[in-house]
Amino acid sequence: MTTTTLLPSCTAFDGHRRLASGPLATVALAVRQAAGDAMPGAILIFDDATGRSIDLDLRGTADEIRARYAPPSGDAAGAAGEPAGAGEQRGRGRPKLGVVSREVTLLPRHWEWLAAQPGGASVALRKLVEDARRTHAAADRLRDAQARAYHFMSAMAGDLPGFEEAARALYANDQARFAELIAGWPDDVRDHALALALARGELPPSTEDC
């Protein structure tokens, strides 16, 4: 079983029923509307990039909530990430690559090897990182998908039949067994756990810091 469907930014559950999925503003408004009819603590919101539960600020009017969780516009995001004076015409020279300077601690033999590489230590380190990212990309995506699904399952299905066996199948990458073990779970919980476990493509940025 495979899927390339991109997941929304977050998903809200009222008990075992999926209440809303989508951008933060959309889900926040849906949760606010439903909160009056729900039992205290019954509604949980999950960041689909991590599978962890998050809190949303539901204070204010609907327009204030939309503004609070509106995605940054392209122009605003670009302006925010551009250093002062960047709008001025740059002179000749090497293009700005957006590199960040940080301390790296290595053994002397590592520095000797890096210094001997074409372009010097910085270029060699960047190449090593990019090569590692390409080599381990599939394994990284699998690990992220397993962690997302497990975090969600722990919060929503920890008391459901077959949870421990399903978690073992998840981390064994036994997709057929995993699907079989959670088949009897509430429909929305089962479907969302499957979506998180099987999504191996790009996901929206995490909402944990919002």
Foldseek 3Di string as FASTA:
>chain_A
DFDADEFAQKWKDQQLRTQDGHFPLVVLVSCVVCVVVGDVPRMWMAGLQQLATADADNDDDSVVSCVVRPDDDPVVVVVVPDDPPNVDDDDDDDDDPPDDDDDDDDDPVVQVVQCPDPPGNVVVVVVVVVVVCVVCVQVVLQVRLLRNLLNNCCVRPVPPPQSVVLNVCLVVVVLVSNLVSCVPPPPSNSVSSNVSNRHSDDYDDTPRVD
